[in-house]
N, C-alpha and C. Protein backbone atom coordinates (compact mmCIF):
# COMPACT_ATOMS: atom_id res chain seq x y z
N UNK A 1 19.32 -4.47 11.13
CA UNK A 1 19.09 -5.48 12.18
C UNK A 1 17.17 -4.92 13.02
N UNK A 2 17.94 -3.26 13.56
CA UNK A 2 17.40 -2.72 14.80
C UNK A 2 16.32 -2.30 13.61
N UNK A 3 16.16 -1.44 12.56
CA UNK A 3 15.10 -0.99 12.06
C UNK A 3 14.24 -1.86 11.59
N UNK A 4 14.88 -3.50 11.26
CA UNK A 4 13.56 -4.39 11.01
C UNK A 4 13.06 -5.19 12.17
N UNK A 5 13.72 -4.82 13.09
CA UNK A 5 12.93 -5.39 14.57
C UNK A 5 12.08 -4.40 14.71
N UNK A 6 12.14 -2.91 14.51
CA UNK A 6 11.05 -1.64 14.92
C UNK A 6 9.83 -1.85 13.64
N UNK A 7 10.21 -2.43 12.44
CA UNK A 7 8.78 -2.57 11.32
C UNK A 7 8.16 -3.81 11.67
N UNK A 8 9.02 -4.71 12.72
CA UNK A 8 8.46 -5.92 12.50
C UNK A 8 7.38 -5.56 13.95
N UNK A 9 7.58 -4.55 14.93
CA UNK A 9 7.02 -4.31 16.42
C UNK A 9 5.91 -3.48 15.57
N UNK A 10 5.73 -2.73 14.68
CA UNK A 10 4.96 -1.57 13.82
C UNK A 10 5.29 -0.72 14.25
N UNK A 11 6.85 -0.60 14.88
CA UNK A 11 6.86 1.02 15.07
C UNK A 11 7.43 2.62 14.06
N UNK A 12 7.64 1.08 13.37
CA UNK A 12 8.42 2.04 11.81
C UNK A 12 8.49 1.80 10.36
N UNK A 13 8.48 2.31 9.77
CA UNK A 13 8.08 1.45 8.64
C UNK A 13 9.53 0.22 8.55
N UNK A 14 8.97 -0.50 7.31
CA UNK A 14 10.43 -1.71 7.50
C UNK A 14 11.39 -1.27 6.34
N UNK A 15 12.77 -1.93 6.64
CA UNK A 15 14.04 -1.44 5.78
C UNK A 15 13.58 -1.13 4.44
N UNK A 16 14.58 0.44 3.55
CA UNK A 16 14.08 -0.19 2.16
C UNK A 16 14.35 -1.32 1.23
N UNK A 17 15.32 -2.19 2.41
CA UNK A 17 15.74 -3.44 1.37
C UNK A 17 14.71 -4.55 1.45
N UNK A 18 14.39 -4.03 2.10
CA UNK A 18 13.04 -5.75 2.62
C UNK A 18 12.00 -5.21 1.75
N UNK A 19 11.55 -3.76 1.33
CA UNK A 19 10.22 -3.57 0.54
C UNK A 19 10.84 -4.10 -0.50
N UNK A 20 11.95 -3.86 -1.13
CA UNK A 20 12.78 -4.03 -2.95
C UNK A 20 12.64 -5.69 -2.48
N UNK A 21 12.98 -5.98 -1.66
CA UNK A 21 12.22 -7.82 -1.74
C UNK A 21 11.36 -8.04 -1.29
N UNK A 22 10.41 -7.97 -0.63
CA UNK A 22 8.98 -7.76 -1.00
C UNK A 22 8.73 -7.86 -2.20
N UNK A 23 9.18 -7.15 -3.10
CA UNK A 23 8.40 -6.40 -4.40
C UNK A 23 8.85 -7.43 -5.06
N UNK A 24 10.08 -7.87 -5.23
CA UNK A 24 10.48 -8.75 -6.38
C UNK A 24 9.78 -10.57 -5.85
N UNK A 25 9.57 -10.79 -4.69
CA UNK A 25 9.41 -12.45 -4.29
C UNK A 25 8.51 -12.90 -4.99
N UNK A 26 7.27 -12.21 -5.13
CA UNK A 26 6.56 -12.68 -6.00
C UNK A 26 6.46 -13.36 -7.35
N UNK A 27 7.81 -12.85 -7.85
CA UNK A 27 7.84 -12.61 -9.50
C UNK A 27 9.14 -14.03 -9.62
N UNK A 28 10.19 -14.31 -8.52
CA UNK A 28 10.91 -15.27 -8.00
C UNK A 28 12.32 -14.35 -8.66
N UNK A 29 12.34 -13.78 -8.95
CA UNK A 29 13.90 -12.34 -9.12
C UNK A 29 14.21 -11.61 -7.82
N UNK A 30 15.68 -11.25 -8.36
CA UNK A 30 16.52 -10.52 -7.68
C UNK A 30 16.58 -9.36 -7.99
N UNK A 31 16.62 -8.29 -7.32
CA UNK A 31 16.63 -7.37 -7.39
C UNK A 31 17.49 -6.36 -8.53
N UNK A 32 18.63 -7.35 -8.41
CA UNK A 32 19.82 -7.18 -9.56
C UNK A 32 19.43 -7.25 -10.87
N UNK A 33 17.80 -7.80 -11.04
CA UNK A 33 17.82 -8.43 -12.65
C UNK A 33 16.92 -7.33 -13.32
N UNK A 34 16.89 -6.98 -12.54
CA UNK A 34 15.10 -5.23 -12.81
C UNK A 34 16.34 -4.46 -13.85
N UNK A 35 15.29 -3.90 -14.56
CA UNK A 35 15.69 -2.67 -15.53
C UNK A 35 14.74 -1.52 -14.38
N UNK A 36 15.28 -0.29 -14.92
CA UNK A 36 14.76 0.99 -14.74
C UNK A 36 12.98 0.78 -14.94
N UNK A 37 12.27 0.35 -15.68
CA UNK A 37 11.12 0.08 -16.19
C UNK A 37 10.20 -0.84 -15.27
N UNK A 38 11.08 -1.58 -14.80
CA UNK A 38 10.69 -2.59 -13.66
C UNK A 38 10.25 -2.20 -12.72
N UNK A 39 10.91 -1.13 -11.98
CA UNK A 39 10.75 -0.34 -10.81
C UNK A 39 9.67 0.34 -10.49
N UNK A 40 9.14 0.64 -12.02
CA UNK A 40 8.03 1.75 -11.58
C UNK A 40 6.87 1.01 -11.51
N UNK A 41 6.70 -0.60 -12.61
CA UNK A 41 5.77 -1.31 -12.23
C UNK A 41 5.55 -2.05 -11.15
N UNK A 42 7.13 -2.43 -10.07
CA UNK A 42 6.85 -2.90 -9.05
C UNK A 42 6.61 -1.95 -7.82
N UNK A 43 6.54 -0.63 -7.75
CA UNK A 43 6.34 0.32 -6.95
C UNK A 43 4.70 0.26 -7.05
N UNK A 44 4.08 0.22 -8.33
CA UNK A 44 2.67 0.45 -8.63
C UNK A 44 2.23 -0.67 -7.87
N UNK A 45 2.33 -2.26 -7.92
CA UNK A 45 2.06 -3.33 -7.70
C UNK A 45 2.44 -2.98 -6.02
N UNK A 46 3.32 -2.75 -4.97
CA UNK A 46 3.07 -2.25 -4.05
C UNK A 46 1.79 -1.39 -3.70
N UNK A 47 2.26 -0.52 -4.18
CA UNK A 47 0.80 0.41 -3.79
C UNK A 47 -0.27 -0.02 -3.74
N UNK A 48 -0.68 -0.72 -5.02
CA UNK A 48 -2.42 -1.34 -5.24
C UNK A 48 -2.18 -2.56 -3.87
N UNK A 49 -1.39 -3.84 -3.54
CA UNK A 49 -1.52 -4.27 -2.76
C UNK A 49 -1.17 -3.75 -1.27
N UNK A 50 -0.82 -2.48 -1.00
CA UNK A 50 -0.81 -1.74 0.19
C UNK A 50 -2.25 -1.07 0.54
N UNK A 51 -2.87 -0.14 -0.73
CA UNK A 51 -4.16 -0.28 -0.63
C UNK A 51 -4.94 -0.59 -0.47
N UNK A 52 -5.08 -2.18 -1.15
CA UNK A 52 -5.44 -3.55 -0.93
C UNK A 52 -6.20 -3.70 0.45
N UNK A 53 -4.84 -3.63 0.88
CA UNK A 53 -4.53 -4.26 2.49
C UNK A 53 -5.58 -3.50 3.23
N UNK A 54 -5.13 -2.21 3.13
CA UNK A 54 -5.94 -1.18 3.85
C UNK A 54 -7.45 -1.02 4.12
N UNK A 55 -8.18 -1.24 2.58
CA UNK A 55 -9.14 -1.34 2.11
C UNK A 55 -10.12 -2.12 3.18
N UNK A 56 -9.25 -3.44 3.08
CA UNK A 56 -9.53 -4.61 3.71
C UNK A 56 -10.20 -4.25 4.58
N UNK A 57 -9.14 -3.85 5.13
CA UNK A 57 -9.10 -3.48 7.35
C UNK A 57 -10.31 -2.55 7.22
N UNK A 58 -10.49 -1.27 6.34
CA UNK A 58 -11.57 -0.40 6.42
C UNK A 58 -12.93 -1.22 6.23
N UNK A 59 -13.00 -2.40 5.71
CA UNK A 59 -14.21 -2.89 5.32
C UNK A 59 -14.71 -3.75 7.07
N UNK A 60 -13.80 -4.19 7.43
CA UNK A 60 -13.75 -4.72 8.95
C UNK A 60 -14.08 -3.63 9.78
N UNK A 61 -13.19 -2.42 9.66
CA UNK A 61 -13.73 -1.67 10.56
C UNK A 61 -15.11 -1.31 10.47
N UNK A 62 -15.42 -1.19 9.40
CA UNK A 62 -17.45 -0.36 9.24
C UNK A 62 -18.16 -1.45 9.68
N UNK A 63 -17.56 -2.44 9.75
CA UNK A 63 -18.40 -4.20 10.76
C UNK A 63 -18.49 -3.91 12.00
N UNK A 64 -17.47 -3.19 12.67
CA UNK A 64 -17.23 -2.87 14.12
C UNK A 64 -16.32 -4.33 14.58
N UNK A 65 -15.40 -4.95 13.44
CA UNK A 65 -14.75 -5.55 13.94
C UNK A 65 -13.28 -5.88 14.58
N UNK A 66 -12.85 -4.03 14.37
CA UNK A 66 -11.30 -4.05 14.32
C UNK A 66 -11.37 -2.09 14.60
N UNK A 67 -10.45 -1.84 14.43
CA UNK A 67 -9.76 -0.46 14.27
C UNK A 67 -9.00 -0.22 13.35
N UNK A 68 -8.60 0.83 13.29
CA UNK A 68 -6.94 0.98 12.27
C UNK A 68 -6.37 3.02 12.35
N UNK A 69 -5.75 3.01 12.12
CA UNK A 69 -4.84 4.18 12.60
C UNK A 69 -5.85 5.66 12.18
N UNK A 70 -5.90 6.53 12.29
CA UNK A 70 -6.81 7.62 12.15
C UNK A 70 -6.15 8.29 11.01
N UNK A 71 -4.97 8.58 10.93
CA UNK A 71 -3.85 9.32 9.55
C UNK A 71 -4.38 7.92 8.34
N UNK A 72 -4.42 6.46 8.37
CA UNK A 72 -5.22 6.19 7.43
C UNK A 72 -6.76 6.28 7.37
N UNK A 73 -7.36 6.35 7.97
CA UNK A 73 -8.94 6.90 7.47
C UNK A 73 -8.53 7.85 7.22
N UNK A 74 -8.23 8.71 7.36
CA UNK A 74 -8.27 10.20 6.78
C UNK A 74 -7.90 9.87 5.35
N UNK A 75 -6.67 9.53 4.97
CA UNK A 75 -6.32 9.55 3.79
C UNK A 75 -7.33 8.53 2.95
N UNK A 76 -7.92 7.35 3.37
CA UNK A 76 -8.67 6.55 2.87
C UNK A 76 -9.81 7.20 2.68
N UNK A 77 -10.39 8.59 3.34
CA UNK A 77 -11.93 8.94 2.76
C UNK A 77 -11.23 9.90 2.15
N UNK A 78 -9.85 10.74 2.24
CA UNK A 78 -9.25 11.75 0.77
C UNK A 78 -9.39 10.28 -0.37
N UNK A 79 -8.91 10.01 -0.24
CA UNK A 79 -8.64 8.97 -1.73
C UNK A 79 -10.81 8.18 -2.24
N UNK A 80 -11.20 8.17 -1.42
CA UNK A 80 -12.60 7.58 -1.64
C UNK A 80 -13.30 8.65 -1.89
N UNK A 81 -12.97 9.96 -1.72
CA UNK A 81 -13.83 11.44 -1.68
C UNK A 81 -13.34 11.94 -3.59
N UNK A 82 -11.97 11.78 -4.09
CA UNK A 82 -11.08 12.08 -5.45
C UNK A 82 -11.63 11.08 -6.29
N UNK A 83 -11.89 9.94 -5.43
CA UNK A 83 -12.13 8.82 -6.79
C UNK A 83 -13.80 8.87 -7.27
N UNK A 84 -14.47 9.26 -6.26
CA UNK A 84 -15.98 9.65 -6.43
C UNK A 84 -16.09 10.75 -7.19
N UNK A 85 -15.19 11.75 -7.45
CA UNK A 85 -15.40 13.14 -7.66
C UNK A 85 -14.58 12.94 -9.14
N UNK A 86 -13.85 11.92 -9.45
CA UNK A 86 -13.38 11.92 -10.48
C UNK A 86 -14.66 10.84 -11.67
N UNK A 87 -14.94 9.96 -10.76
CA UNK A 87 -15.98 9.23 -11.70
C UNK A 87 -17.01 10.02 -11.85
N UNK A 88 -17.26 10.54 -11.31
CA UNK A 88 -18.71 11.78 -11.25
C UNK A 88 -18.19 12.58 -12.18
N UNK A 89 -17.00 13.35 -12.43
CA UNK A 89 -16.66 14.16 -13.38
C UNK A 89 -16.71 13.58 -14.56
N UNK A 90 -16.12 12.21 -15.23
CA UNK A 90 -15.98 11.50 -16.36
C UNK A 90 -17.63 11.01 -16.58
N UNK A 91 -18.05 10.76 -15.46
CA UNK A 91 -19.77 10.10 -15.72
C UNK A 91 -20.55 11.51 -16.56
N UNK A 92 -20.14 13.10 -15.99
CA UNK A 92 -20.77 13.70 -17.01
C UNK A 92 -20.52 13.96 -18.56
N UNK A 93 -18.94 13.85 -18.48
CA UNK A 93 -18.47 13.74 -19.93
C UNK A 93 -19.53 13.34 -21.22
């Protein structure tokens, strides 16, 4: 319960059990109903939603409406550079 309260206060990541429940909730299933391959797809979905959320906030930062943690800014810049590099590499093939 302490870890949960810390997560709600943005002091630490949420407990792993909460993350698993969050992954399953949109599908209306319990974690016990999943196979090994399902976990990979749920993880991919969680990563996508995480990135989508931070990218939306990034857009607000660019408009001067909000701020975000510097480590997230650095990570998003790195991902952006890698995506642009990959796109240009594939474009030249």
